[in-house]
PDB file of N, CA and C in Angstrom:
ATOM      1  N   MET A   1     -11.902 -48.507  15.329  1.00  0.00           N
ATOM      2  CA  MET A   1     -10.591 -48.461  14.613  1.00  0.00           C
ATOM      3  C   MET A   1     -10.821 -47.267  13.698  1.00  0.00           C
ATOM      4  N   ARG A   2      -9.743 -46.502  13.545  1.00  0.00           N
ATOM      5  CA  ARG A   2      -9.737 -45.195  12.702  1.00  0.00           C
ATOM      6  C   ARG A   2      -9.541 -45.606  11.319  1.00  0.00           C
ATOM      7  N   VAL A   3     -10.231 -45.067  10.297  1.00  0.00           N
ATOM      8  CA  VAL A   3     -10.074 -45.252   8.782  1.00  0.00           C
ATOM      9  C   VAL A   3      -8.772 -44.680   8.458  1.00  0.00           C
ATOM     10  N   THR A   4      -7.908 -45.218   7.649  1.00  0.00           N
ATOM     11  CA  THR A   4      -6.707 -44.753   7.137  1.00  0.00           C
ATOM     12  C   THR A   4      -6.941 -43.459   6.424  1.00  0.00           C
ATOM     13  N   THR A   5      -5.862 -42.756   6.455  1.00  0.00           N
ATOM     14  CA  THR A   5      -5.938 -41.381   5.736  1.00  0.00           C
ATOM     15  C   THR A   5      -6.187 -41.618   4.344  1.00  0.00           C
ATOM     16  N   ASP A   6      -5.554 -42.450   3.653  1.00  0.00           N
ATOM     17  CA  ASP A   6      -5.687 -42.668   2.279  1.00  0.00           C
ATOM     18  C   ASP A   6      -7.320 -42.975   1.893  1.00  0.00           C
ATOM     19  N   LEU A   7      -7.947 -43.870   2.669  1.00  0.00           N
ATOM     20  CA  LEU A   7      -9.323 -44.108   2.486  1.00  0.00           C
ATOM     21  C   LEU A   7     -10.250 -42.958   2.757  1.00  0.00           C
ATOM     22  N   TRP A   8      -9.811 -42.234   3.783  1.00  0.00           N
ATOM     23  CA  TRP A   8     -10.674 -41.043   4.109  1.00  0.00           C
ATOM     24  C   TRP A   8     -10.570 -39.967   3.065  1.00  0.00           C
ATOM     25  N   VAL A   9      -9.435 -39.747   2.497  1.00  0.00           N
ATOM     26  CA  VAL A   9      -9.286 -38.747   1.511  1.00  0.00           C
ATOM     27  C   VAL A   9     -10.033 -39.146   0.126  1.00  0.00           C
ATOM     28  N   SER A  10     -10.021 -40.483  -0.144  1.00  0.00           N
ATOM     29  CA  SER A  10     -10.665 -41.039  -1.328  1.00  0.00           C
ATOM     30  C   SER A  10     -12.121 -40.782  -1.156  1.00  0.00           C
ATOM     31  N   ALA A  11     -12.754 -41.037   0.008  1.00  0.00           N
ATOM     32  CA  ALA A  11     -14.121 -40.798   0.364  1.00  0.00           C
ATOM     33  C   ALA A  11     -14.440 -39.278   0.239  1.00  0.00           C
ATOM     34  N   LEU A  12     -13.576 -38.432   0.690  1.00  0.00           N
ATOM     35  CA  LEU A  12     -13.744 -36.871   0.538  1.00  0.00           C
ATOM     36  C   LEU A  12     -13.886 -36.557  -0.949  1.00  0.00           C
ATOM     37  N   LEU A  13     -13.006 -37.125  -1.807  1.00  0.00           N
ATOM     38  CA  LEU A  13     -12.938 -36.914  -3.179  1.00  0.00           C
ATOM     39  C   LEU A  13     -14.296 -37.286  -3.869  1.00  0.00           C
ATOM     40  N   ARG A  14     -14.776 -38.473  -3.482  1.00  0.00           N
ATOM     41  CA  ARG A  14     -16.097 -38.863  -4.080  1.00  0.00           C
ATOM     42  C   ARG A  14     -17.211 -38.061  -3.710  1.00  0.00           C
ATOM     43  N   ARG A  15     -17.216 -37.709  -2.475  1.00  0.00           N
ATOM     44  CA  ARG A  15     -18.338 -36.767  -1.900  1.00  0.00           C
ATOM     45  C   ARG A  15     -18.181 -35.348  -2.573  1.00  0.00           C
ATOM     46  N   VAL A  16     -17.077 -34.845  -2.899  1.00  0.00           N
ATOM     47  CA  VAL A  16     -17.056 -33.518  -3.481  1.00  0.00           C
ATOM     48  C   VAL A  16     -17.608 -33.684  -5.059  1.00  0.00           C
ATOM     49  N   PHE A  17     -16.998 -34.740  -5.613  1.00  0.00           N
ATOM     50  CA  PHE A  17     -17.486 -34.994  -7.060  1.00  0.00           C
ATOM     51  C   PHE A  17     -18.864 -35.265  -7.241  1.00  0.00           C
ATOM     52  N   ALA A  18     -19.521 -35.935  -6.165  1.00  0.00           N
ATOM     53  CA  ALA A  18     -20.921 -36.194  -6.223  1.00  0.00           C
ATOM     54  C   ALA A  18     -21.877 -34.999  -5.994  1.00  0.00           C
ATOM     55  N   ALA A  19     -21.150 -33.996  -5.264  1.00  0.00           N
ATOM     56  CA  ALA A  19     -21.863 -32.709  -5.025  1.00  0.00           C
ATOM     57  C   ALA A  19     -21.617 -31.823  -6.234  1.00  0.00           C
ATOM     58  N   GLY A  20     -20.976 -32.187  -7.266  1.00  0.00           N
ATOM     59  CA  GLY A  20     -20.871 -31.335  -8.486  1.00  0.00           C
ATOM     60  C   GLY A  20     -19.570 -30.537  -8.292  1.00  0.00           C
ATOM     61  N   GLY A  21     -18.724 -30.744  -7.469  1.00  0.00           N
ATOM     62  CA  GLY A  21     -17.576 -29.807  -7.242  1.00  0.00           C
ATOM     63  C   GLY A  21     -16.301 -30.575  -7.922  1.00  0.00           C
ATOM     64  N   PHE A  22     -15.032 -30.168  -7.535  1.00  0.00           N
ATOM     65  CA  PHE A  22     -13.819 -30.658  -8.063  1.00  0.00           C
ATOM     66  C   PHE A  22     -13.018 -30.859  -6.976  1.00  0.00           C
ATOM     67  N   ALA A  23     -12.156 -31.816  -6.981  1.00  0.00           N
ATOM     68  CA  ALA A  23     -11.086 -32.094  -5.895  1.00  0.00           C
ATOM     69  C   ALA A  23      -9.896 -32.688  -6.493  1.00  0.00           C
ATOM     70  N   ALA A  24      -8.784 -32.267  -5.827  1.00  0.00           N
ATOM     71  CA  ALA A  24      -7.469 -33.002  -6.261  1.00  0.00           C
ATOM     72  C   ALA A  24      -6.563 -33.199  -5.086  1.00  0.00           C
ATOM     73  N   VAL A  25      -5.813 -34.140  -5.094  1.00  0.00           N
ATOM     74  CA  VAL A  25      -4.821 -34.436  -4.071  1.00  0.00           C
ATOM     75  C   VAL A  25      -3.647 -33.747  -4.549  1.00  0.00           C
ATOM     76  N   VAL A  26      -3.170 -32.620  -3.832  1.00  0.00           N
ATOM     77  CA  VAL A  26      -1.889 -31.816  -4.238  1.00  0.00           C
ATOM     78  C   VAL A  26      -0.710 -32.458  -3.792  1.00  0.00           C
ATOM     79  N   LYS A  27      -0.830 -33.009  -2.494  1.00  0.00           N
ATOM     80  CA  LYS A  27       0.389 -33.793  -1.987  1.00  0.00           C
ATOM     81  C   LYS A  27      -0.189 -34.988  -1.116  1.00  0.00           C
ATOM     82  N   ARG A  28       0.441 -36.066  -1.509  1.00  0.00           N
ATOM     83  CA  ARG A  28       0.118 -37.364  -0.939  1.00  0.00           C
ATOM     84  C   ARG A  28       1.005 -37.663   0.235  1.00  0.00           C
ATOM     85  N   GLY A  29       0.510 -37.886   1.452  1.00  0.00           N
ATOM     86  CA  GLY A  29       1.324 -38.111   2.552  1.00  0.00           C
ATOM     87  C   GLY A  29       1.371 -39.529   2.877  1.00  0.00           C
ATOM     88  N   ALA A  30       1.486 -39.835   4.254  1.00  0.00           N
ATOM     89  CA  ALA A  30       1.476 -41.259   4.777  1.00  0.00           C
ATOM     90  C   ALA A  30       0.065 -41.772   4.715  1.00  0.00           C
ATOM     91  N   ALA A  31      -0.010 -42.884   4.149  1.00  0.00           N
ATOM     92  CA  ALA A  31      -1.257 -43.677   3.856  1.00  0.00           C
ATOM     93  C   ALA A  31      -1.968 -44.070   5.078  1.00  0.00           C
ATOM     94  N   GLU A  32      -1.347 -44.326   6.127  1.00  0.00           N
ATOM     95  CA  GLU A  32      -1.998 -44.935   7.299  1.00  0.00           C
ATOM     96  C   GLU A  32      -2.518 -43.730   8.284  1.00  0.00           C
ATOM     97  N   ALA A  33      -1.665 -42.683   8.454  1.00  0.00           N
ATOM     98  CA  ALA A  33      -2.132 -41.727   9.471  1.00  0.00           C
ATOM     99  C   ALA A  33      -1.538 -40.201   9.325  1.00  0.00           C
ATOM    100  N   GLY A  34      -1.347 -39.919   8.081  1.00  0.00           N
ATOM    101  CA  GLY A  34      -0.984 -38.550   7.740  1.00  0.00           C
ATOM    102  C   GLY A  34      -1.958 -37.421   8.063  1.00  0.00           C
ATOM    103  N   ALA A  35      -1.566 -36.237   8.516  1.00  0.00           N
ATOM    104  CA  ALA A  35      -2.459 -35.208   8.868  1.00  0.00           C
ATOM    105  C   ALA A  35      -2.847 -34.627   7.408  1.00  0.00           C
ATOM    106  N   ILE A  36      -4.188 -34.135   7.528  1.00  0.00           N
ATOM    107  CA  ILE A  36      -4.896 -33.819   6.251  1.00  0.00           C
ATOM    108  C   ILE A  36      -5.114 -32.225   6.370  1.00  0.00           C
ATOM    109  N   PHE A  37      -4.766 -31.494   5.283  1.00  0.00           N
ATOM    110  CA  PHE A  37      -5.108 -30.105   5.266  1.00  0.00           C
ATOM    111  C   PHE A  37      -5.886 -30.010   3.966  1.00  0.00           C
ATOM    112  N   VAL A  38      -7.028 -29.132   3.962  1.00  0.00           N
ATOM    113  CA  VAL A  38      -7.863 -28.900   2.865  1.00  0.00           C
ATOM    114  C   VAL A  38      -7.884 -27.533   2.545  1.00  0.00           C
ATOM    115  N   LEU A  39      -7.394 -27.155   1.242  1.00  0.00           N
ATOM    116  CA  LEU A  39      -7.591 -25.903   0.751  1.00  0.00           C
ATOM    117  C   LEU A  39      -8.915 -25.810  -0.034  1.00  0.00           C
ATOM    118  N   SER A  40      -9.710 -24.942   0.350  1.00  0.00           N
ATOM    119  CA  SER A  40     -11.056 -24.891  -0.356  1.00  0.00           C
ATOM    120  C   SER A  40     -11.038 -23.593  -1.033  1.00  0.00           C
ATOM    121  N   ARG A  41     -11.474 -23.653  -2.489  1.00  0.00           N
ATOM    122  CA  ARG A  41     -11.567 -22.543  -3.220  1.00  0.00           C
ATOM    123  C   ARG A  41     -12.947 -22.367  -3.732  1.00  0.00           C
ATOM    124  N   GLY A  42     -13.492 -21.134  -3.612  1.00  0.00           N
ATOM    125  CA  GLY A  42     -14.715 -20.702  -4.064  1.00  0.00           C
ATOM    126  C   GLY A  42     -14.810 -20.423  -5.483  1.00  0.00           C
ATOM    127  N   ARG A  43     -15.869 -20.384  -6.041  1.00  0.00           N
ATOM    128  CA  ARG A  43     -16.038 -19.954  -7.472  1.00  0.00           C
ATOM    129  C   ARG A  43     -15.939 -18.558  -7.774  1.00  0.00           C
ATOM    130  N   LEU A  44     -15.931 -17.755  -6.697  1.00  0.00           N
ATOM    131  CA  LEU A  44     -15.694 -16.275  -6.811  1.00  0.00           C
ATOM    132  C   LEU A  44     -14.440 -15.761  -6.242  1.00  0.00           C
ATOM    133  N   GLY A  45     -13.476 -16.840  -6.077  1.00  0.00           N
ATOM    134  CA  GLY A  45     -12.008 -16.430  -5.752  1.00  0.00           C
ATOM    135  C   GLY A  45     -11.652 -16.550  -4.146  1.00  0.00           C
ATOM    136  N   GLU A  46     -12.751 -16.738  -3.402  1.00  0.00           N
ATOM    137  CA  GLU A  46     -12.500 -16.873  -1.869  1.00  0.00           C
ATOM    138  C   GLU A  46     -11.667 -18.341  -1.680  1.00  0.00           C
ATOM    139  N   VAL A  47     -10.751 -18.076  -0.771  1.00  0.00           N
ATOM    140  CA  VAL A  47     -10.013 -19.309  -0.316  1.00  0.00           C
ATOM    141  C   VAL A  47      -9.988 -19.529   1.077  1.00  0.00           C
ATOM    142  N   ALA A  48     -10.168 -20.709   1.617  1.00  0.00           N
ATOM    143  CA  ALA A  48     -10.004 -20.997   2.982  1.00  0.00           C
ATOM    144  C   ALA A  48      -9.176 -22.379   3.249  1.00  0.00           C
ATOM    145  N   LEU A  49      -8.356 -22.367   4.315  1.00  0.00           N
ATOM    146  CA  LEU A  49      -7.633 -23.569   4.812  1.00  0.00           C
ATOM    147  C   LEU A  49      -8.012 -24.178   5.997  1.00  0.00           C
ATOM    148  N   PHE A  50      -8.229 -25.332   5.858  1.00  0.00           N
ATOM    149  CA  PHE A  50      -8.755 -26.208   7.110  1.00  0.00           C
ATOM    150  C   PHE A  50      -7.604 -27.194   7.468  1.00  0.00           C
ATOM    151  N   GLY A  51      -7.402 -27.419   8.655  1.00  0.00           N
ATOM    152  CA  GLY A  51      -6.428 -28.268   9.181  1.00  0.00           C
ATOM    153  C   GLY A  51      -6.889 -29.089  10.305  1.00  0.00           C
ATOM    154  N   PRO A  52      -6.053 -30.125  10.738  1.00  0.00           N
ATOM    155  CA  PRO A  52      -6.500 -31.022  11.872  1.00  0.00           C
ATOM    156  C   PRO A  52      -6.792 -30.139  13.057  1.00  0.00           C
ATOM    157  N   ALA A  53      -8.007 -30.357  13.609  1.00  0.00           N
ATOM    158  CA  ALA A  53      -8.414 -29.684  14.906  1.00  0.00           C
ATOM    159  C   ALA A  53      -7.433 -30.166  16.002  1.00  0.00           C
ATOM    160  N   PRO A  54      -7.369 -29.214  17.061  1.00  0.00           N
ATOM    161  CA  PRO A  54      -6.533 -29.571  18.128  1.00  0.00           C
ATOM    162  C   PRO A  54      -7.094 -30.814  18.929  1.00  0.00           C
ATOM    163  N   GLN A  55      -6.154 -31.518  19.727  1.00  0.00           N
ATOM    164  CA  GLN A  55      -6.817 -32.797  20.297  1.00  0.00           C
ATOM    165  C   GLN A  55      -7.811 -32.487  21.377  1.00  0.00           C
ATOM    166  N   THR A  56      -7.761 -31.273  21.818  1.00  0.00           N
ATOM    167  CA  THR A  56      -8.961 -31.036  22.745  1.00  0.00           C
ATOM    168  C   THR A  56     -10.372 -30.866  22.180  1.00  0.00           C
ATOM    169  N   SER A  57     -10.372 -30.955  20.814  1.00  0.00           N
ATOM    170  CA  SER A  57     -11.764 -31.038  20.027  1.00  0.00           C
ATOM    171  C   SER A  57     -12.319 -32.423  19.990  1.00  0.00           C
ATOM    172  N   TYR A  58     -11.572 -33.336  20.368  1.00  0.00           N
ATOM    173  CA  TYR A  58     -11.976 -34.657  20.294  1.00  0.00           C
ATOM    174  C   TYR A  58     -12.830 -35.138  21.543  1.00  0.00           C
ATOM    175  N   ASP A  59     -13.809 -35.876  21.489  1.00  0.00           N
ATOM    176  CA  ASP A  59     -14.608 -36.326  22.727  1.00  0.00           C
ATOM    177  C   ASP A  59     -14.387 -37.921  22.780  1.00  0.00           C
ATOM    178  N   SER A  60     -14.404 -38.492  23.829  1.00  0.00           N
ATOM    179  CA  SER A  60     -14.369 -39.835  24.125  1.00  0.00           C
ATOM    180  C   SER A  60     -15.404 -40.690  23.481  1.00  0.00           C
ATOM    181  N   ALA A  61     -16.631 -39.984  22.969  1.00  0.00           N
ATOM    182  CA  ALA A  61     -17.597 -40.764  22.447  1.00  0.00           C
ATOM    183  C   ALA A  61     -17.312 -41.077  21.014  1.00  0.00           C
ATOM    184  N   LYS A  62     -16.608 -40.115  20.361  1.00  0.00           N
ATOM    185  CA  LYS A  62     -16.307 -40.381  18.979  1.00  0.00           C
ATOM    186  C   LYS A  62     -14.900 -40.183  18.817  1.00  0.00           C
ATOM    187  N   PRO A  63     -13.940 -41.076  19.285  1.00  0.00           N
ATOM    188  CA  PRO A  63     -12.498 -40.838  19.178  1.00  0.00           C
ATOM    189  C   PRO A  63     -11.918 -41.109  17.916  1.00  0.00           C
ATOM    190  N   ASP A  64     -12.686 -41.829  16.869  1.00  0.00           N
ATOM    191  CA  ASP A  64     -12.018 -42.047  15.523  1.00  0.00           C
ATOM    192  C   ASP A  64     -12.411 -41.110  14.522  1.00  0.00           C
ATOM    193  N   GLU A  65     -13.451 -40.144  14.749  1.00  0.00           N
ATOM    194  CA  GLU A  65     -13.823 -39.111  13.737  1.00  0.00           C
ATOM    195  C   GLU A  65     -12.603 -38.066  13.661  1.00  0.00           C
ATOM    196  N   ARG A  66     -12.604 -37.679  12.373  1.00  0.00           N
ATOM    197  CA  ARG A  66     -11.553 -36.585  12.070  1.00  0.00           C
ATOM    198  C   ARG A  66     -12.214 -35.112  12.034  1.00  0.00           C
ATOM    199  N   PHE A  67     -11.676 -34.362  12.850  1.00  0.00           N
ATOM    200  CA  PHE A  67     -12.127 -32.944  13.065  1.00  0.00           C
ATOM    201  C   PHE A  67     -11.212 -31.974  12.376  1.00  0.00           C
ATOM    202  N   PHE A  68     -11.753 -30.886  11.945  1.00  0.00           N
ATOM    203  CA  PHE A  68     -10.888 -29.879  11.275  1.00  0.00           C
ATOM    204  C   PHE A  68     -11.259 -28.460  11.879  1.00  0.00           C
ATOM    205  N   SER A  69     -10.211 -27.651  11.725  1.00  0.00           N
ATOM    206  CA  SER A  69     -10.285 -26.236  12.127  1.00  0.00           C
ATOM    207  C   SER A  69     -10.113 -25.246  11.084  1.00  0.00           C
ATOM    208  N   LEU A  70     -10.767 -24.276  10.950  1.00  0.00           N
ATOM    209  CA  LEU A  70     -10.573 -23.220   9.893  1.00  0.00           C
ATOM    210  C   LEU A  70      -9.330 -22.545  10.445  1.00  0.00           C
ATOM    211  N   LEU A  71      -8.428 -22.520   9.623  1.00  0.00           N
ATOM    212  CA  LEU A  71      -7.004 -21.995   9.928  1.00  0.00           C
ATOM    213  C   LEU A  71      -6.831 -20.624   9.288  1.00  0.00           C
ATOM    214  N   GLY A  72      -7.727 -20.149   8.348  1.00  0.00           N
ATOM    215  CA  GLY A  72      -7.734 -18.863   7.719  1.00  0.00           C
ATOM    216  C   GLY A  72      -8.566 -18.865   6.529  1.00  0.00           C
ATOM    217  N   SER A  73      -9.065 -17.670   6.163  1.00  0.00           N
ATOM    218  CA  SER A  73      -9.789 -17.445   4.964  1.00  0.00           C
ATOM    219  C   SER A  73      -9.477 -16.005   4.390  1.00  0.00           C
ATOM    220  N   GLY A  74      -9.673 -15.896   3.115  1.00  0.00           N
ATOM    221  CA  GLY A  74      -9.448 -14.627   2.381  1.00  0.00           C
ATOM    222  C   GLY A  74      -9.478 -14.804   0.952  1.00  0.00           C
ATOM    223  N   ASP A  75      -9.121 -13.701   0.331  1.00  0.00           N
ATOM    224  CA  ASP A  75      -9.111 -13.835  -1.217  1.00  0.00           C
ATOM    225  C   ASP A  75      -7.844 -14.048  -1.856  1.00  0.00           C
ATOM    226  N   ASP A  76      -6.720 -14.303  -1.171  1.00  0.00           N
ATOM    227  CA  ASP A  76      -5.427 -14.493  -1.655  1.00  0.00           C
ATOM    228  C   ASP A  76      -4.938 -15.855  -1.109  1.00  0.00           C
ATOM    229  N   ALA A  77      -4.453 -16.787  -1.956  1.00  0.00           N
ATOM    230  CA  ALA A  77      -4.012 -17.990  -1.469  1.00  0.00           C
ATOM    231  C   ALA A  77      -2.511 -18.029  -1.190  1.00  0.00           C
ATOM    232  N   ALA A  78      -1.857 -16.951  -1.386  1.00  0.00           N
ATOM    233  CA  ALA A  78      -0.350 -16.991  -1.108  1.00  0.00           C
ATOM    234  C   ALA A  78      -0.096 -17.290   0.344  1.00  0.00           C
ATOM    235  N   PRO A  79      -0.765 -16.525   1.416  1.00  0.00           N
ATOM    236  CA  PRO A  79      -0.418 -16.924   2.786  1.00  0.00           C
ATOM    237  C   PRO A  79      -0.649 -18.396   3.105  1.00  0.00           C
ATOM    238  N   PHE A  80      -1.607 -18.919   2.493  1.00  0.00           N
ATOM    239  CA  PHE A  80      -1.999 -20.399   2.712  1.00  0.00           C
ATOM    240  C   PHE A  80      -1.002 -21.308   2.124  1.00  0.00           C
ATOM    241  N   ASP A  81      -0.467 -20.947   0.952  1.00  0.00           N
ATOM    242  CA  ASP A  81       0.600 -21.717   0.265  1.00  0.00           C
ATOM    243  C   ASP A  81       1.857 -21.733   1.076  1.00  0.00           C
ATOM    244  N   ALA A  82       2.226 -20.554   1.708  1.00  0.00           N
ATOM    245  CA  ALA A  82       3.352 -20.451   2.464  1.00  0.00           C
ATOM    246  C   ALA A  82       3.165 -21.326   3.794  1.00  0.00           C
ATOM    247  N   LYS A  83       2.091 -21.225   4.372  1.00  0.00           N
ATOM    248  CA  LYS A  83       1.764 -22.191   5.483  1.00  0.00           C
ATOM    249  C   LYS A  83       1.948 -23.473   5.314  1.00  0.00           C
ATOM    250  N   LEU A  84       1.333 -23.946   4.201  1.00  0.00           N
ATOM    251  CA  LEU A  84       1.532 -25.267   3.807  1.00  0.00           C
ATOM    252  C   LEU A  84       2.925 -25.864   3.530  1.00  0.00           C
ATOM    253  N   GLU A  85       3.673 -24.970   3.027  1.00  0.00           N
ATOM    254  CA  GLU A  85       5.151 -25.345   2.706  1.00  0.00           C
ATOM    255  C   GLU A  85       5.893 -25.390   4.042  1.00  0.00           C
ATOM    256  N   ARG A  86       5.672 -24.496   5.052  1.00  0.00           N
ATOM    257  CA  ARG A  86       6.036 -24.715   6.514  1.00  0.00           C
ATOM    258  C   ARG A  86       5.753 -25.978   7.206  1.00  0.00           C
ATOM    259  N   GLU A  87       4.375 -26.336   6.902  1.00  0.00           N
ATOM    260  CA  GLU A  87       3.950 -27.693   7.454  1.00  0.00           C
ATOM    261  C   GLU A  87       4.612 -28.839   6.788  1.00  0.00           C
ATOM    262  N   LYS A  88       4.872 -28.864   5.554  1.00  0.00           N
ATOM    263  CA  LYS A  88       5.431 -29.828   4.746  1.00  0.00           C
ATOM    264  C   LYS A  88       6.950 -29.979   5.259  1.00  0.00           C
ATOM    265  N   LYS A  89       7.642 -28.988   5.708  1.00  0.00           N
ATOM    266  CA  LYS A  89       8.914 -28.964   6.124  1.00  0.00           C
ATOM    267  C   LYS A  89       8.986 -29.552   7.541  1.00  0.00           C
ATOM    268  N   PHE A  90       7.951 -29.144   8.315  1.00  0.00           N
ATOM    269  CA  PHE A  90       7.793 -29.762   9.716  1.00  0.00           C
ATOM    270  C   PHE A  90       7.397 -31.314   9.754  1.00  0.00           C
ATOM    271  N   ASP A  91       6.465 -31.684   8.808  1.00  0.00           N
ATOM    272  CA  ASP A  91       5.906 -32.913   8.717  1.00  0.00           C
ATOM    273  C   ASP A  91       5.751 -33.440   7.278  1.00  0.00           C
ATOM    274  N   PRO A  92       6.670 -34.193   6.652  1.00  0.00           N
ATOM    275  CA  PRO A  92       6.649 -34.516   5.338  1.00  0.00           C
ATOM    276  C   PRO A  92       5.451 -35.532   4.963  1.00  0.00           C
ATOM    277  N   ASP A  93       4.799 -35.993   6.073  1.00  0.00           N
ATOM    278  CA  ASP A  93       3.734 -37.004   5.830  1.00  0.00           C
ATOM    279  C   ASP A  93       2.321 -36.446   5.727  1.00  0.00           C
ATOM    280  N   ILE A  94       2.238 -35.014   5.585  1.00  0.00           N
ATOM    281  CA  ILE A  94       0.870 -34.499   5.424  1.00  0.00           C
ATOM    282  C   ILE A  94       0.337 -34.669   4.145  1.00  0.00           C
ATOM    283  N   TRP A  95      -0.998 -34.666   4.134  1.00  0.00           N
ATOM    284  CA  TRP A  95      -1.734 -34.510   2.856  1.00  0.00           C
ATOM    285  C   TRP A  95      -2.366 -33.251   2.597  1.00  0.00           C
ATOM    286  N   VAL A  96      -2.387 -32.727   1.410  1.00  0.00           N
ATOM    287  CA  VAL A  96      -2.883 -31.587   1.047  1.00  0.00           C
ATOM    288  C   VAL A  96      -3.938 -31.868  -0.121  1.00  0.00           C
ATOM    289  N   VAL A  97      -5.174 -31.515   0.208  1.00  0.00           N
ATOM    290  CA  VAL A  97      -6.292 -31.786  -0.773  1.00  0.00           C
ATOM    291  C   VAL A  97      -6.852 -30.313  -1.095  1.00  0.00           C
ATOM    292  N   GLU A  98      -7.051 -30.142  -2.412  1.00  0.00           N
ATOM    293  CA  GLU A  98      -7.654 -28.733  -2.875  1.00  0.00           C
ATOM    294  C   GLU A  98      -8.985 -29.145  -3.492  1.00  0.00           C
ATOM    295  N   ILE A  99      -9.989 -28.418  -2.871  1.00  0.00           N
ATOM    296  CA  ILE A  99     -11.328 -28.715  -3.449  1.00  0.00           C
ATOM    297  C   ILE A  99     -12.100 -27.368  -3.839  1.00  0.00           C
ATOM    298  N   GLU A 100     -13.005 -27.577  -4.770  1.00  0.00           N
ATOM    299  CA  GLU A 100     -13.882 -26.550  -5.084  1.00  0.00           C
ATOM    300  C   GLU A 100     -15.255 -27.182  -4.827  1.00  0.00           C
ATOM    301  N   ALA A 101     -15.866 -27.069  -3.736  1.00  0.00           N
ATOM    302  CA  ALA A 101     -17.000 -27.801  -3.331  1.00  0.00           C
ATOM    303  C   ALA A 101     -18.299 -27.815  -4.091  1.00  0.00           C
ATOM    304  N   GLY A 102     -18.449 -26.812  -4.891  1.00  0.00           N
ATOM    305  CA  GLY A 102     -19.664 -26.717  -5.721  1.00  0.00           C
ATOM    306  C   GLY A 102     -20.741 -26.105  -4.826  1.00  0.00           C
ATOM    307  N   ALA A 103     -21.830 -26.783  -5.001  1.00  0.00           N
ATOM    308  CA  ALA A 103     -23.164 -26.370  -4.268  1.00  0.00           C
ATOM    309  C   ALA A 103     -23.294 -26.694  -2.876  1.00  0.00           C
ATOM    310  N   VAL A 104     -22.365 -27.659  -2.393  1.00  0.00           N
ATOM    311  CA  VAL A 104     -22.360 -28.021  -0.959  1.00  0.00           C
ATOM    312  C   VAL A 104     -21.318 -27.227  -0.268  1.00  0.00           C
ATOM    313  N   PRO A 105     -21.683 -26.697   0.871  1.00  0.00           N
ATOM    314  CA  PRO A 105     -20.772 -26.038   1.926  1.00  0.00           C
ATOM    315  C   PRO A 105     -19.723 -27.040   2.295  1.00  0.00           C
ATOM    316  N   VAL A 106     -18.491 -26.380   2.519  1.00  0.00           N
ATOM    317  CA  VAL A 106     -17.338 -27.315   2.935  1.00  0.00           C
ATOM    318  C   VAL A 106     -17.582 -27.908   4.249  1.00  0.00           C
ATOM    319  N   GLU A 107     -18.456 -27.144   5.105  1.00  0.00           N
ATOM    320  CA  GLU A 107     -18.755 -27.600   6.434  1.00  0.00           C
ATOM    321  C   GLU A 107     -19.564 -28.921   6.464  1.00  0.00           C
ATOM    322  N   GLU A 108     -20.283 -29.257   5.291  1.00  0.00           N
ATOM    323  CA  GLU A 108     -21.014 -30.395   5.187  1.00  0.00           C
ATOM    324  C   GLU A 108     -20.095 -31.565   4.685  1.00  0.00           C
ATOM    325  N   LEU A 109     -18.941 -31.281   4.154  1.00  0.00           N
ATOM    326  CA  LEU A 109     -17.881 -32.236   3.684  1.00  0.00           C
ATOM    327  C   LEU A 109     -16.863 -32.576   4.862  1.00  0.00           C
ATOM    328  N   LEU A 110     -16.718 -31.704   5.676  1.00  0.00           N
ATOM    329  CA  LEU A 110     -15.671 -31.751   6.783  1.00  0.00           C
ATOM    330  C   LEU A 110     -16.355 -31.595   8.036  1.00  0.00           C
ATOM    331  N   SER A 111     -15.842 -32.315   9.071  1.00  0.00           N
ATOM    332  CA  SER A 111     -16.437 -32.144  10.386  1.00  0.00           C
ATOM    333  C   SER A 111     -15.507 -30.906  11.122  1.00  0.00           C
ATOM    334  N   VAL A 112     -15.985 -29.697  10.868  1.00  0.00           N
ATOM    335  CA  VAL A 112     -15.402 -28.506  11.292  1.00  0.00           C
ATOM    336  C   VAL A 112     -15.736 -28.040  12.740  1.00  0.00           C
ATOM    337  N   ARG A 113     -14.596 -27.833  13.511  1.00  0.00           N
ATOM    338  CA  ARG A 113     -14.943 -27.503  15.028  1.00  0.00           C
ATOM    339  C   ARG A 113     -14.715 -25.949  15.080  1.00  0.00           C
ATOM    340  N   THR A 114     -15.551 -25.287  15.599  1.00  0.00           N
ATOM    341  CA  THR A 114     -15.291 -23.822  15.770  1.00  0.00           C
ATOM    342  C   THR A 114     -14.912 -23.460  17.092  1.00  0.00           C
ATOM    343  N   ASP A 115     -15.095 -24.299  18.090  1.00  0.00           N
ATOM    344  CA  ASP A 115     -14.724 -24.084  19.627  1.00  0.00           C
ATOM    345  C   ASP A 115     -13.266 -23.885  19.663  1.00  0.00           C
ATOM    346  N   SER A 116     -12.705 -23.137  20.436  1.00  0.00           N
ATOM    347  CA  SER A 116     -11.326 -23.028  20.793  1.00  0.00           C
ATOM    348  C   SER A 116     -10.784 -23.642  22.036  1.00  0.00           C
TER     349      SER A 116
END
């Protein structure tokens, strides 16, 4: 059984705060199964956007785990903000969580898939 999005996001926030970082829910979506987008900001101004991984990233051994893909990174958040606005228009049930991970790399907080 898959954990609800609301519970998963709450756990992410706790992990970020426990690691000495900061996190905030920018947009709350559907509590049961909303898609999650994570905007990661580094302390030196770098920005990265993570979104749900394609369905092909999931394997039958762990069907309930949430995987993410890096959608882009850079020094300017404007393109990512525009992408999130388009996503909100397409799917009003998405969640947007903004984090500053602190000492822990984002890849340790999220299950990031790099395969295409």
